Amino acid sequence: QLQLVESGGGLVQPGGSLRLSCTASGFNLGYYAVGWFHQAPGKEREGVSCISSSGGSTSYGDSVKDRFTISRDDAKNTVYLQMTSLKPEDTGTYSCEAAGGSTTSCSGGTLYGVDYWGKGTLVTVSS
């Protein structure tokens, strides 16, 4: 079964940190660019960050620059999102997606040309 599974979400106080994981099963994530998306309650989904298949190129949305870091460990078939200096507005569901076709691109933290997506993990930033 081909799937992406996110983990690492939870409740954290403002200013705290979390590391999210996106693990692929049934396919080699190393061949794919991967992106993280955030959907806040009552708002549209927005791209947060993406990383190329080689890991040599990354992109971030303006709201998370200098606070979030995306990375990948292809040996573990996993992409990570390290989130620091968390704010209440970072609350929401974070999901990962993978893209590997000719239409794949990553711009402004948004991944395009998605082939696979996960169900998401919930992050709550609150005191």
PDB file of N, CA and C in Angstrom:
ATOM      1  N   GLN A   1       0.837  -1.184   0.000  1.00  0.00           N
ATOM      2  CA  GLN A   1       0.000   0.000   0.000  1.00  0.00           C
ATOM      3  C   GLN A   1       0.881   1.247   0.000  1.00  0.00           C
ATOM      4  N   LEU A   2       0.606   2.140  -0.957  1.00  0.00           N
ATOM      5  CA  LEU A   2       1.397   3.358  -1.074  1.00  0.00           C
ATOM      6  C   LEU A   2       0.791   4.423  -0.185  1.00  0.00           C
ATOM      7  N   GLN A   3       1.567   4.933   0.773  1.00  0.00           N
ATOM      8  CA  GLN A   3       1.010   5.951   1.639  1.00  0.00           C
ATOM      9  C   GLN A   3       2.093   6.791   2.299  1.00  0.00           C
ATOM     10  N   LEU A   4       1.662   7.981   2.733  1.00  0.00           N
ATOM     11  CA  LEU A   4       2.476   8.871   3.539  1.00  0.00           C
ATOM     12  C   LEU A   4       1.809   8.995   4.905  1.00  0.00           C
ATOM     13  N   VAL A   5       2.593   8.884   5.952  1.00  0.00           N
ATOM     14  CA  VAL A   5       2.055   8.978   7.307  1.00  0.00           C
ATOM     15  C   VAL A   5       2.827  10.035   8.084  1.00  0.00           C
ATOM     16  N   GLU A   6       2.077  11.015   8.603  1.00  0.00           N
ATOM     17  CA  GLU A   6       2.686  12.073   9.395  1.00  0.00           C
ATOM     18  C   GLU A   6       2.612  11.728  10.879  1.00  0.00           C
ATOM     19  N   SER A   7       3.579  12.215  11.620  1.00  0.00           N
ATOM     20  CA  SER A   7       3.579  12.036  13.072  1.00  0.00           C
ATOM     21  C   SER A   7       4.338  13.178  13.721  1.00  0.00           C
ATOM     22  N   GLY A   8       4.201  13.279  15.036  1.00  0.00           N
ATOM     23  CA  GLY A   8       4.951  14.281  15.777  1.00  0.00           C
ATOM     24  C   GLY A   8       4.151  15.477  16.248  1.00  0.00           C
ATOM     25  N   GLY A   9       2.898  15.544  15.847  1.00  0.00           N
ATOM     26  CA  GLY A   9       2.074  16.660  16.291  1.00  0.00           C
ATOM     27  C   GLY A   9       1.732  16.553  17.766  1.00  0.00           C
ATOM     28  N   GLY A  10       1.155  17.626  18.292  1.00  0.00           N
ATOM     29  CA  GLY A  10       0.762  17.629  19.697  1.00  0.00           C
ATOM     30  C   GLY A  10       0.516  19.027  20.195  1.00  0.00           C
ATOM     31  N   LEU A  11       0.419  19.143  21.507  1.00  0.00           N
ATOM     32  CA  LEU A  11       0.191  20.427  22.162  1.00  0.00           C
ATOM     33  C   LEU A  11       1.525  21.006  22.632  1.00  0.00           C
ATOM     34  N   VAL A  12       1.762  22.263  22.292  1.00  0.00           N
ATOM     35  CA  VAL A  12       3.014  22.916  22.678  1.00  0.00           C
ATOM     36  C   VAL A  12       2.717  24.362  23.053  1.00  0.00           C
ATOM     37  N   GLN A  13       3.480  24.900  23.980  1.00  0.00           N
ATOM     38  CA  GLN A  13       3.291  26.285  24.380  1.00  0.00           C
ATOM     39  C   GLN A  13       3.908  27.236  23.360  1.00  0.00           C
ATOM     40  N   PRO A  14       3.406  28.449  23.270  1.00  0.00           N
ATOM     41  CA  PRO A  14       4.025  29.440  22.380  1.00  0.00           C
ATOM     42  C   PRO A  14       5.512  29.578  22.685  1.00  0.00           C
ATOM     43  N   GLY A  15       6.302  29.646  21.624  1.00  0.00           N
ATOM     44  CA  GLY A  15       7.751  29.705  21.766  1.00  0.00           C
ATOM     45  C   GLY A  15       8.408  28.339  21.783  1.00  0.00           C
ATOM     46  N   GLY A  16       7.615  27.294  21.860  1.00  0.00           N
ATOM     47  CA  GLY A  16       8.153  25.940  21.910  1.00  0.00           C
ATOM     48  C   GLY A  16       8.493  25.384  20.538  1.00  0.00           C
ATOM     49  N   SER A  17       8.902  24.114  20.541  1.00  0.00           N
ATOM     50  CA  SER A  17       9.334  23.455  19.307  1.00  0.00           C
ATOM     51  C   SER A  17       8.684  22.087  19.163  1.00  0.00           C
ATOM     52  N   LEU A  18       8.565  21.653  17.925  1.00  0.00           N
ATOM     53  CA  LEU A  18       8.106  20.311  17.591  1.00  0.00           C
ATOM     54  C   LEU A  18       8.836  19.868  16.338  1.00  0.00           C
ATOM     55  N   ARG A  19       9.001  18.559  16.198  1.00  0.00           N
ATOM     56  CA  ARG A  19       9.516  18.018  14.950  1.00  0.00           C
ATOM     57  C   ARG A  19       8.494  17.053  14.378  1.00  0.00           C
ATOM     58  N   LEU A  20       8.035  17.378  13.184  1.00  0.00           N
ATOM     59  CA  LEU A  20       7.093  16.513  12.483  1.00  0.00           C
ATOM     60  C   LEU A  20       7.850  15.577  11.547  1.00  0.00           C
ATOM     61  N   SER A  21       7.300  14.379  11.380  1.00  0.00           N
ATOM     62  CA  SER A  21       7.880  13.396  10.465  1.00  0.00           C
ATOM     63  C   SER A  21       6.856  12.993   9.419  1.00  0.00           C
ATOM     64  N   CYS A  22       7.348  12.742   8.235  1.00  0.00           N
ATOM     65  CA  CYS A  22       6.519  12.258   7.124  1.00  0.00           C
ATOM     66  C   CYS A  22       7.220  11.026   6.571  1.00  0.00           C
ATOM     67  N   THR A  23       6.641   9.863   6.798  1.00  0.00           N
ATOM     68  CA  THR A  23       7.263   8.613   6.405  1.00  0.00           C
ATOM     69  C   THR A  23       6.461   7.937   5.309  1.00  0.00           C
ATOM     70  N   ALA A  24       7.169   7.518   4.283  1.00  0.00           N
ATOM     71  CA  ALA A  24       6.519   6.853   3.156  1.00  0.00           C
ATOM     72  C   ALA A  24       6.595   5.334   3.318  1.00  0.00           C
ATOM     73  N   SER A  25       5.563   4.675   2.871  1.00  0.00           N
ATOM     74  CA  SER A  25       5.582   3.217   2.799  1.00  0.00           C
ATOM     75  C   SER A  25       5.061   2.786   1.439  1.00  0.00           C
ATOM     76  N   GLY A  26       5.673   1.749   0.905  1.00  0.00           N
ATOM     77  CA  GLY A  26       5.254   1.233  -0.388  1.00  0.00           C
ATOM     78  C   GLY A  26       5.935   1.880  -1.573  1.00  0.00           C
ATOM     79  N   PHE A  27       6.733   2.912  -1.347  1.00  0.00           N
ATOM     80  CA  PHE A  27       7.495   3.526  -2.430  1.00  0.00           C
ATOM     81  C   PHE A  27       8.717   4.239  -1.848  1.00  0.00           C
ATOM     82  N   ASN A  28       9.675   4.527  -2.730  1.00  0.00           N
ATOM     83  CA  ASN A  28      10.924   5.167  -2.322  1.00  0.00           C
ATOM     84  C   ASN A  28      10.760   6.677  -2.352  1.00  0.00           C
ATOM     85  N   LEU A  29      10.668   7.271  -1.170  1.00  0.00           N
ATOM     86  CA  LEU A  29      10.457   8.711  -1.083  1.00  0.00           C
ATOM     87  C   LEU A  29      11.637   9.497  -1.644  1.00  0.00           C
ATOM     88  N   GLY A  30      12.786   8.858  -1.743  1.00  0.00           N
ATOM     89  CA  GLY A  30      13.987   9.525  -2.240  1.00  0.00           C
ATOM     90  C   GLY A  30      13.869  10.016  -3.673  1.00  0.00           C
ATOM     91  N   TYR A  31      12.941   9.483  -4.433  1.00  0.00           N
ATOM     92  CA  TYR A  31      12.740   9.906  -5.810  1.00  0.00           C
ATOM     93  C   TYR A  31      11.774  11.091  -5.935  1.00  0.00           C
ATOM     94  N   TYR A  32      11.259  11.559  -4.801  1.00  0.00           N
ATOM     95  CA  TYR A  32      10.199  12.553  -4.814  1.00  0.00           C
ATOM     96  C   TYR A  32      10.580  13.835  -4.080  1.00  0.00           C
ATOM     97  N   ALA A  33      10.108  14.971  -4.607  1.00  0.00           N
ATOM     98  CA  ALA A  33      10.101  16.199  -3.824  1.00  0.00           C
ATOM     99  C   ALA A  33       8.969  16.077  -2.808  1.00  0.00           C
ATOM    100  N   VAL A  34       9.159  16.684  -1.657  1.00  0.00           N
ATOM    101  CA  VAL A  34       8.163  16.569  -0.589  1.00  0.00           C
ATOM    102  C   VAL A  34       7.831  17.951  -0.051  1.00  0.00           C
ATOM    103  N   GLY A  35       6.567  18.154   0.220  1.00  0.00           N
ATOM    104  CA  GLY A  35       6.137  19.430   0.784  1.00  0.00           C
ATOM    105  C   GLY A  35       5.267  19.241   2.003  1.00  0.00           C
ATOM    106  N   TRP A  36       5.308  20.236   2.872  1.00  0.00           N
ATOM    107  CA  TRP A  36       4.434  20.278   4.038  1.00  0.00           C
ATOM    108  C   TRP A  36       3.395  21.376   3.834  1.00  0.00           C
ATOM    109  N   PHE A  37       2.156  21.080   4.230  1.00  0.00           N
ATOM    110  CA  PHE A  37       1.058  22.021   4.130  1.00  0.00           C
ATOM    111  C   PHE A  37       0.434  22.212   5.506  1.00  0.00           C
ATOM    112  N   HIS A  38      -0.131  23.393   5.710  1.00  0.00           N
ATOM    113  CA  HIS A  38      -0.766  23.733   6.978  1.00  0.00           C
ATOM    114  C   HIS A  38      -2.179  24.219   6.713  1.00  0.00           C
ATOM    115  N   GLN A  39      -3.096  23.654   7.471  1.00  0.00           N
ATOM    116  CA  GLN A  39      -4.471  24.154   7.406  1.00  0.00           C
ATOM    117  C   GLN A  39      -4.909  24.551   8.804  1.00  0.00           C
ATOM    118  N   ALA A  40      -5.028  25.855   8.996  1.00  0.00           N
ATOM    119  CA  ALA A  40      -5.507  26.375  10.272  1.00  0.00           C
ATOM    120  C   ALA A  40      -7.022  26.236  10.339  1.00  0.00           C
ATOM    121  N   PRO A  41      -7.586  26.178  11.536  1.00  0.00           N
ATOM    122  CA  PRO A  41      -9.038  26.045  11.667  1.00  0.00           C
ATOM    123  C   PRO A  41      -9.773  27.153  10.935  1.00  0.00           C
ATOM    124  N   GLY A  42     -10.684  26.790  10.064  1.00  0.00           N
ATOM    125  CA  GLY A  42     -11.496  27.757   9.352  1.00  0.00           C
ATOM    126  C   GLY A  42     -10.794  28.485   8.222  1.00  0.00           C
ATOM    127  N   LYS A  43      -9.581  28.052   7.881  1.00  0.00           N
ATOM    128  CA  LYS A  43      -8.834  28.739   6.829  1.00  0.00           C
ATOM    129  C   LYS A  43      -8.449  27.765   5.728  1.00  0.00           C
ATOM    130  N   GLU A  44      -8.040  28.320   4.610  1.00  0.00           N
ATOM    131  CA  GLU A  44      -7.604  27.493   3.498  1.00  0.00           C
ATOM    132  C   GLU A  44      -6.216  26.903   3.783  1.00  0.00           C
ATOM    133  N   ARG A  45      -5.975  25.801   3.127  1.00  0.00           N
ATOM    134  CA  ARG A  45      -4.673  25.155   3.267  1.00  0.00           C
ATOM    135  C   ARG A  45      -3.606  25.973   2.561  1.00  0.00           C
ATOM    136  N   GLU A  46      -2.418  26.036   3.173  1.00  0.00           N
ATOM    137  CA  GLU A  46      -1.325  26.790   2.568  1.00  0.00           C
ATOM    138  C   GLU A  46      -0.031  25.989   2.643  1.00  0.00           C
ATOM    139  N   GLY A  47       0.803  26.202   1.643  1.00  0.00           N
ATOM    140  CA  GLY A  47       2.097  25.550   1.638  1.00  0.00           C
ATOM    141  C   GLY A  47       3.014  26.155   2.685  1.00  0.00           C
ATOM    142  N   VAL A  48       3.750  25.313   3.363  1.00  0.00           N
ATOM    143  CA  VAL A  48       4.669  25.740   4.415  1.00  0.00           C
ATOM    144  C   VAL A  48       6.114  25.653   3.954  1.00  0.00           C
ATOM    145  N   SER A  49       6.464  24.478   3.423  1.00  0.00           N
ATOM    146  CA  SER A  49       7.855  24.262   3.024  1.00  0.00           C
ATOM    147  C   SER A  49       7.931  23.071   2.090  1.00  0.00           C
ATOM    148  N   CYS A  50       8.946  23.058   1.249  1.00  0.00           N
ATOM    149  CA  CYS A  50       9.160  21.893   0.396  1.00  0.00           C
ATOM    150  C   CYS A  50      10.649  21.695   0.163  1.00  0.00           C
ATOM    151  N   ILE A  51      10.971  20.468  -0.207  1.00  0.00           N
ATOM    152  CA  ILE A  51      12.365  20.074  -0.404  1.00  0.00           C
ATOM    153  C   ILE A  51      12.457  19.230  -1.657  1.00  0.00           C
ATOM    154  N   SER A  52      13.518  19.438  -2.415  1.00  0.00           N
ATOM    155  CA  SER A  52      13.696  18.693  -3.653  1.00  0.00           C
ATOM    156  C   SER A  52      14.047  17.239  -3.364  1.00  0.00           C
ATOM    157  N   SER A  53      13.984  16.415  -4.389  1.00  0.00           N
ATOM    158  CA  SER A  53      14.287  14.996  -4.210  1.00  0.00           C
ATOM    159  C   SER A  53      15.737  14.787  -3.772  1.00  0.00           C
ATOM    160  N   SER A  54      16.630  15.654  -4.207  1.00  0.00           N
ATOM    161  CA  SER A  54      18.035  15.533  -3.830  1.00  0.00           C
ATOM    162  C   SER A  54      18.313  16.103  -2.446  1.00  0.00           C
ATOM    163  N   GLY A  55      17.382  16.941  -1.977  1.00  0.00           N
ATOM    164  CA  GLY A  55      17.600  17.628  -0.707  1.00  0.00           C
ATOM    165  C   GLY A  55      18.410  18.896  -0.854  1.00  0.00           C
ATOM    166  N   GLY A  56      18.843  19.178  -2.070  1.00  0.00           N
ATOM    167  CA  GLY A  56      19.705  20.328  -2.274  1.00  0.00           C
ATOM    168  C   GLY A  56      18.992  21.658  -2.392  1.00  0.00           C
ATOM    169  N   SER A  57      17.668  21.605  -2.519  1.00  0.00           N
ATOM    170  CA  SER A  57      16.898  22.832  -2.658  1.00  0.00           C
ATOM    171  C   SER A  57      15.719  22.796  -1.705  1.00  0.00           C
ATOM    172  N   THR A  58      15.533  23.881  -0.979  1.00  0.00           N
ATOM    173  CA  THR A  58      14.409  23.997  -0.062  1.00  0.00           C
ATOM    174  C   THR A  58      13.715  25.337  -0.267  1.00  0.00           C
ATOM    175  N   SER A  59      12.471  25.385   0.148  1.00  0.00           N
ATOM    176  CA  SER A  59      11.698  26.608   0.002  1.00  0.00           C
ATOM    177  C   SER A  59      10.767  26.722   1.202  1.00  0.00           C
ATOM    178  N   TYR A  60      10.501  27.985   1.622  1.00  0.00           N
ATOM    179  CA  TYR A  60       9.662  28.213   2.791  1.00  0.00           C
ATOM    180  C   TYR A  60       8.661  29.321   2.525  1.00  0.00           C
ATOM    181  N   GLY A  61       7.498  29.203   3.158  1.00  0.00           N
ATOM    182  CA  GLY A  61       6.536  30.285   3.121  1.00  0.00           C
ATOM    183  C   GLY A  61       7.009  31.433   3.990  1.00  0.00           C
ATOM    184  N   ASP A  62       6.551  32.627   3.698  1.00  0.00           N
ATOM    185  CA  ASP A  62       7.013  33.817   4.417  1.00  0.00           C
ATOM    186  C   ASP A  62       6.742  33.724   5.919  1.00  0.00           C
ATOM    187  N   SER A  63       5.634  33.097   6.299  1.00  0.00           N
ATOM    188  CA  SER A  63       5.249  33.081   7.707  1.00  0.00           C
ATOM    189  C   SER A  63       6.116  32.156   8.559  1.00  0.00           C
ATOM    190  N   VAL A  64       6.891  31.278   7.910  1.00  0.00           N
ATOM    191  CA  VAL A  64       7.687  30.312   8.691  1.00  0.00           C
ATOM    192  C   VAL A  64       9.179  30.439   8.456  1.00  0.00           C
ATOM    193  N   LYS A  65       9.578  31.336   7.582  1.00  0.00           N
ATOM    194  CA  LYS A  65      11.015  31.508   7.317  1.00  0.00           C
ATOM    195  C   LYS A  65      11.745  31.826   8.608  1.00  0.00           C
ATOM    196  N   ASP A  66      12.911  31.246   8.765  1.00  0.00           N
ATOM    197  CA  ASP A  66      13.778  31.436   9.939  1.00  0.00           C
ATOM    198  C   ASP A  66      13.235  30.776  11.192  1.00  0.00           C
ATOM    199  N   ARG A  67      12.077  30.090  11.078  1.00  0.00           N
ATOM    200  CA  ARG A  67      11.548  29.376  12.240  1.00  0.00           C
ATOM    201  C   ARG A  67      11.446  27.868  11.985  1.00  0.00           C
ATOM    202  N   PHE A  68      11.143  27.481  10.758  1.00  0.00           N
ATOM    203  CA  PHE A  68      10.972  26.073  10.401  1.00  0.00           C
ATOM    204  C   PHE A  68      12.112  25.627   9.503  1.00  0.00           C
ATOM    205  N   THR A  69      12.480  24.356   9.625  1.00  0.00           N
ATOM    206  CA  THR A  69      13.518  23.779   8.781  1.00  0.00           C
ATOM    207  C   THR A  69      13.059  22.422   8.272  1.00  0.00           C
ATOM    208  N   ILE A  70      13.109  22.255   6.952  1.00  0.00           N
ATOM    209  CA  ILE A  70      12.750  20.977   6.349  1.00  0.00           C
ATOM    210  C   ILE A  70      14.028  20.207   6.030  1.00  0.00           C
ATOM    211  N   SER A  71      13.972  18.897   6.210  1.00  0.00           N
ATOM    212  CA  SER A  71      15.138  18.055   5.910  1.00  0.00           C
ATOM    213  C   SER A  71      14.637  16.658   5.548  1.00  0.00           C
ATOM    214  N   ARG A  72      15.539  15.839   5.029  1.00  0.00           N
ATOM    215  CA  ARG A  72      15.126  14.493   4.652  1.00  0.00           C
ATOM    216  C   ARG A  72      16.211  13.494   5.007  1.00  0.00           C
ATOM    217  N   ASP A  73      15.773  12.286   5.334  1.00  0.00           N
ATOM    218  CA  ASP A  73      16.660  11.165   5.581  1.00  0.00           C
ATOM    219  C   ASP A  73      16.157  10.027   4.693  1.00  0.00           C
ATOM    220  N   ASP A  74      16.736   9.891   3.536  1.00  0.00           N
ATOM    221  CA  ASP A  74      16.258   8.904   2.574  1.00  0.00           C
ATOM    222  C   ASP A  74      16.487   7.474   3.061  1.00  0.00           C
ATOM    223  N   ALA A  75      17.460   7.275   3.920  1.00  0.00           N
ATOM    224  CA  ALA A  75      17.676   5.935   4.474  1.00  0.00           C
ATOM    225  C   ALA A  75      16.483   5.503   5.324  1.00  0.00           C
ATOM    226  N   LYS A  76      15.788   6.486   5.899  1.00  0.00           N
ATOM    227  CA  LYS A  76      14.606   6.194   6.712  1.00  0.00           C
ATOM    228  C   LYS A  76      13.309   6.454   5.952  1.00  0.00           C
ATOM    229  N   ASN A  77      13.458   6.853   4.664  1.00  0.00           N
ATOM    230  CA  ASN A  77      12.271   7.132   3.845  1.00  0.00           C
ATOM    231  C   ASN A  77      11.380   8.182   4.506  1.00  0.00           C
ATOM    232  N   THR A  78      12.017   9.183   5.077  1.00  0.00           N
ATOM    233  CA  THR A  78      11.310  10.156   5.910  1.00  0.00           C
ATOM    234  C   THR A  78      11.781  11.579   5.626  1.00  0.00           C
ATOM    235  N   VAL A  79      10.826  12.503   5.658  1.00  0.00           N
ATOM    236  CA  VAL A  79      11.104  13.934   5.603  1.00  0.00           C
ATOM    237  C   VAL A  79      10.636  14.546   6.918  1.00  0.00           C
ATOM    238  N   TYR A  80      11.410  15.491   7.424  1.00  0.00           N
ATOM    239  CA  TYR A  80      11.110  16.120   8.703  1.00  0.00           C
ATOM    240  C   TYR A  80      10.792  17.604   8.528  1.00  0.00           C
ATOM    241  N   LEU A  81      10.027  18.121   9.479  1.00  0.00           N
ATOM    242  CA  LEU A  81       9.803  19.554   9.572  1.00  0.00           C
ATOM    243  C   LEU A  81      10.087  19.951  11.016  1.00  0.00           C
ATOM    244  N   GLN A  82      11.214  20.602  11.229  1.00  0.00           N
ATOM    245  CA  GLN A  82      11.565  21.098  12.557  1.00  0.00           C
ATOM    246  C   GLN A  82      10.928  22.475  12.728  1.00  0.00           C
ATOM    247  N   MET A  83      10.079  22.592  13.727  1.00  0.00           N
ATOM    248  CA  MET A  83       9.331  23.818  13.957  1.00  0.00           C
ATOM    249  C   MET A  83       9.791  24.433  15.268  1.00  0.00           C
ATOM    250  N   THR A  84      10.263  25.674  15.218  1.00  0.00           N
ATOM    251  CA  THR A  84      10.704  26.372  16.412  1.00  0.00           C
ATOM    252  C   THR A  84       9.969  27.696  16.545  1.00  0.00           C
ATOM    253  N   SER A  85      10.107  28.320  17.714  1.00  0.00           N
ATOM    254  CA  SER A  85       9.451  29.611  17.988  1.00  0.00           C
ATOM    255  C   SER A  85       7.988  29.574  17.572  1.00  0.00           C
ATOM    256  N   LEU A  86       7.306  28.535  17.956  1.00  0.00           N
ATOM    257  CA  LEU A  86       5.927  28.337  17.520  1.00  0.00           C
ATOM    258  C   LEU A  86       4.998  29.418  18.060  1.00  0.00           C
ATOM    259  N   LYS A  87       4.026  29.780  17.234  1.00  0.00           N
ATOM    260  CA  LYS A  87       3.057  30.826  17.562  1.00  0.00           C
ATOM    261  C   LYS A  87       1.652  30.229  17.546  1.00  0.00           C
ATOM    262  N   PRO A  88       0.721  30.829  18.233  1.00  0.00           N
ATOM    263  CA  PRO A  88      -0.655  30.316  18.195  1.00  0.00           C
ATOM    264  C   PRO A  88      -1.205  30.184  16.782  1.00  0.00           C
ATOM    265  N   GLU A  89      -0.812  31.060  15.881  1.00  0.00           N
ATOM    266  CA  GLU A  89      -1.297  30.976  14.501  1.00  0.00           C
ATOM    267  C   GLU A  89      -0.708  29.809  13.721  1.00  0.00           C
ATOM    268  N   ASP A  90       0.259  29.117  14.303  1.00  0.00           N
ATOM    269  CA  ASP A  90       0.779  27.892  13.676  1.00  0.00           C
ATOM    270  C   ASP A  90      -0.121  26.687  13.957  1.00  0.00           C
ATOM    271  N   THR A  91      -1.099  26.864  14.803  1.00  0.00           N
ATOM    272  CA  THR A  91      -2.039  25.789  15.118  1.00  0.00           C
ATOM    273  C   THR A  91      -2.761  25.315  13.873  1.00  0.00           C
ATOM    274  N   GLY A  92      -2.946  23.999  13.790  1.00  0.00           N
ATOM    275  CA  GLY A  92      -3.684  23.433  12.673  1.00  0.00           C
ATOM    276  C   GLY A  92      -3.167  22.050  12.302  1.00  0.00           C
ATOM    277  N   THR A  93      -3.685  21.543  11.206  1.00  0.00           N
ATOM    278  CA  THR A  93      -3.270  20.242  10.708  1.00  0.00           C
ATOM    279  C   THR A  93      -2.154  20.404   9.684  1.00  0.00           C
ATOM    280  N   TYR A  94      -1.101  19.641   9.902  1.00  0.00           N
ATOM    281  CA  TYR A  94       0.044  19.653   8.994  1.00  0.00           C
ATOM    282  C   TYR A  94       0.064  18.328   8.237  1.00  0.00           C
ATOM    283  N   SER A  95       0.101  18.426   6.949  1.00  0.00           N
ATOM    284  CA  SER A  95       0.133  17.235   6.114  1.00  0.00           C
ATOM    285  C   SER A  95       1.295  17.315   5.142  1.00  0.00           C
ATOM    286  N   CYS A  96       1.759  16.157   4.717  1.00  0.00           N
ATOM    287  CA  CYS A  96       2.861  16.133   3.761  1.00  0.00           C
ATOM    288  C   CYS A  96       2.382  15.544   2.444  1.00  0.00           C
ATOM    289  N   GLU A  97       3.047  15.938   1.389  1.00  0.00           N
ATOM    290  CA  GLU A  97       2.720  15.473   0.059  1.00  0.00           C
ATOM    291  C   GLU A  97       4.006  15.210  -0.704  1.00  0.00           C
ATOM    292  N   ALA A  98       3.939  14.325  -1.681  1.00  0.00           N
ATOM    293  CA  ALA A  98       5.109  13.973  -2.477  1.00  0.00           C
ATOM    294  C   ALA A  98       4.800  14.129  -3.957  1.00  0.00           C
ATOM    295  N   ALA A  99       5.770  14.633  -4.689  1.00  0.00           N
ATOM    296  CA  ALA A  99       5.599  14.855  -6.118  1.00  0.00           C
ATOM    297  C   ALA A  99       6.842  14.367  -6.853  1.00  0.00           C
ATOM    298  N   GLY A 100       6.618  13.613  -7.956  1.00  0.00           N
ATOM    299  CA  GLY A 100       7.773  13.063  -8.661  1.00  0.00           C
ATOM    300  C   GLY A 100       7.687  13.119 -10.163  1.00  0.00           C
ATOM    301  N   GLY A 101       6.632  13.724 -10.692  1.00  0.00           N
ATOM    302  CA  GLY A 101       6.452  13.761 -12.135  1.00  0.00           C
ATOM    303  C   GLY A 101       7.060  14.984 -12.782  1.00  0.00           C
ATOM    304  N   SER A 102       6.790  15.134 -14.077  1.00  0.00           N
ATOM    305  CA  SER A 102       7.371  16.225 -14.858  1.00  0.00           C
ATOM    306  C   SER A 102       6.826  17.590 -14.460  1.00  0.00           C
ATOM    307  N   THR A 103       5.678  17.620 -13.781  1.00  0.00           N
ATOM    308  CA  THR A 103       5.092  18.901 -13.374  1.00  0.00           C
ATOM    309  C   THR A 103       5.517  19.302 -11.972  1.00  0.00           C
ATOM    310  N   THR A 104       6.419  18.558 -11.363  1.00  0.00           N
ATOM    311  CA  THR A 104       6.860  18.865 -10.006  1.00  0.00           C
ATOM    312  C   THR A 104       7.582  20.202  -9.949  1.00  0.00           C
ATOM    313  N   SER A 105       7.176  21.021  -8.978  1.00  0.00           N
ATOM    314  CA  SER A 105       7.908  22.255  -8.711  1.00  0.00           C
ATOM    315  C   SER A 105       7.658  22.655  -7.266  1.00  0.00           C
ATOM    316  N   CYS A 106       8.501  23.518  -6.767  1.00  0.00           N
ATOM    317  CA  CYS A 106       8.430  23.962  -5.370  1.00  0.00           C
ATOM    318  C   CYS A 106       8.717  25.444  -5.357  1.00  0.00           C
ATOM    319  N   SER A 107       7.748  26.233  -4.900  1.00  0.00           N
ATOM    320  CA  SER A 107       7.919  27.674  -4.936  1.00  0.00           C
ATOM    321  C   SER A 107       7.190  28.305  -3.765  1.00  0.00           C
ATOM    322  N   GLY A 108       7.853  29.210  -3.074  1.00  0.00           N
ATOM    323  CA  GLY A 108       7.206  29.895  -1.957  1.00  0.00           C
ATOM    324  C   GLY A 108       6.712  28.957  -0.886  1.00  0.00           C
ATOM    325  N   GLY A 109       7.366  27.809  -0.753  1.00  0.00           N
ATOM    326  CA  GLY A 109       6.973  26.838   0.265  1.00  0.00           C
ATOM    327  C   GLY A 109       5.858  25.915  -0.157  1.00  0.00           C
ATOM    328  N   THR A 110       5.415  26.027  -1.403  1.00  0.00           N
ATOM    329  CA  THR A 110       4.313  25.200  -1.892  1.00  0.00           C
ATOM    330  C   THR A 110       4.812  24.217  -2.945  1.00  0.00           C
ATOM    331  N   LEU A 111       4.422  22.960  -2.758  1.00  0.00           N
ATOM    332  CA  LEU A 111       4.769  21.899  -3.698  1.00  0.00           C
ATOM    333  C   LEU A 111       3.660  21.742  -4.728  1.00  0.00           C
ATOM    334  N   TYR A 112       4.041  21.607  -6.001  1.00  0.00           N
ATOM    335  CA  TYR A 112       3.079  21.419  -7.078  1.00  0.00           C
ATOM    336  C   TYR A 112       3.324  20.098  -7.794  1.00  0.00           C
ATOM    337  N   GLY A 113       2.278  19.561  -8.389  1.00  0.00           N
ATOM    338  CA  GLY A 113       2.403  18.302  -9.117  1.00  0.00           C
ATOM    339  C   GLY A 113       2.354  17.090  -8.215  1.00  0.00           C
ATOM    340  N   VAL A 114       1.505  17.153  -7.188  1.00  0.00           N
ATOM    341  CA  VAL A 114       1.469  16.126  -6.139  1.00  0.00           C
ATOM    342  C   VAL A 114       0.964  14.775  -6.656  1.00  0.00           C
ATOM    343  N   ASP A 115       1.671  13.722  -6.203  1.00  0.00           N
ATOM    344  CA  ASP A 115       1.256  12.355  -6.507  1.00  0.00           C
ATOM    345  C   ASP A 115       0.667  11.640  -5.288  1.00  0.00           C
ATOM    346  N   TYR A 116       1.217  11.892  -4.111  1.00  0.00           N
ATOM    347  CA  TYR A 116       0.770  11.228  -2.891  1.00  0.00           C
ATOM    348  C   TYR A 116       0.593  12.256  -1.778  1.00  0.00           C
ATOM    349  N   TRP A 117      -0.320  11.966  -0.861  1.00  0.00           N
ATOM    350  CA  TRP A 117      -0.536  12.868   0.268  1.00  0.00           C
ATOM    351  C   TRP A 117      -0.954  12.074   1.483  1.00  0.00           C
ATOM    352  N   GLY A 118      -0.644  12.634   2.657  1.00  0.00           N
ATOM    353  CA  GLY A 118      -1.010  11.980   3.906  1.00  0.00           C
ATOM    354  C   GLY A 118      -2.242  12.612   4.520  1.00  0.00           C
ATOM    355  N   LYS A 119      -2.667  12.058   5.656  1.00  0.00           N
ATOM    356  CA  LYS A 119      -3.887  12.525   6.315  1.00  0.00           C
ATOM    357  C   LYS A 119      -3.627  13.671   7.273  1.00  0.00           C
ATOM    358  N   GLY A 120      -2.385  13.848   7.690  1.00  0.00           N
ATOM    359  CA  GLY A 120      -2.050  14.979   8.534  1.00  0.00           C
ATOM    360  C   GLY A 120      -1.877  14.648   9.995  1.00  0.00           C
ATOM    361  N   THR A 121      -1.229  15.576  10.704  1.00  0.00           N
ATOM    362  CA  THR A 121      -1.048  15.486  12.149  1.00  0.00           C
ATOM    363  C   THR A 121      -1.387  16.849  12.744  1.00  0.00           C
ATOM    364  N   LEU A 122      -2.039  16.846  13.898  1.00  0.00           N
ATOM    365  CA  LEU A 122      -2.538  18.082  14.481  1.00  0.00           C
ATOM    366  C   LEU A 122      -1.505  18.711  15.408  1.00  0.00           C
ATOM    367  N   VAL A 123      -1.288  19.999  15.198  1.00  0.00           N
ATOM    368  CA  VAL A 123      -0.406  20.798  16.054  1.00  0.00           C
ATOM    369  C   VAL A 123      -1.251  21.875  16.728  1.00  0.00           C
ATOM    370  N   THR A 124      -1.152  21.952  18.034  1.00  0.00           N
ATOM    371  CA  THR A 124      -1.861  22.987  18.790  1.00  0.00           C
ATOM    372  C   THR A 124      -0.855  23.783  19.593  1.00  0.00           C
ATOM    373  N   VAL A 125      -0.814  25.089  19.324  1.00  0.00           N
ATOM    374  CA  VAL A 125       0.095  25.984  20.044  1.00  0.00           C
ATOM    375  C   VAL A 125      -0.752  26.847  20.966  1.00  0.00           C
ATOM    376  N   SER A 126      -0.638  26.580  22.239  1.00  0.00           N
ATOM    377  CA  SER A 126      -1.489  27.263  23.200  1.00  0.00           C
ATOM    378  C   SER A 126      -0.864  27.192  24.587  1.00  0.00           C
ATOM    379  N   SER A 127      -1.099  28.237  25.370  1.00  0.00           N
ATOM    380  CA  SER A 127      -0.623  28.240  26.747  1.00  0.00           C
ATOM    381  C   SER A 127      -1.713  27.730  27.696  1.00  0.00           C
TER     382      SER A 127
END
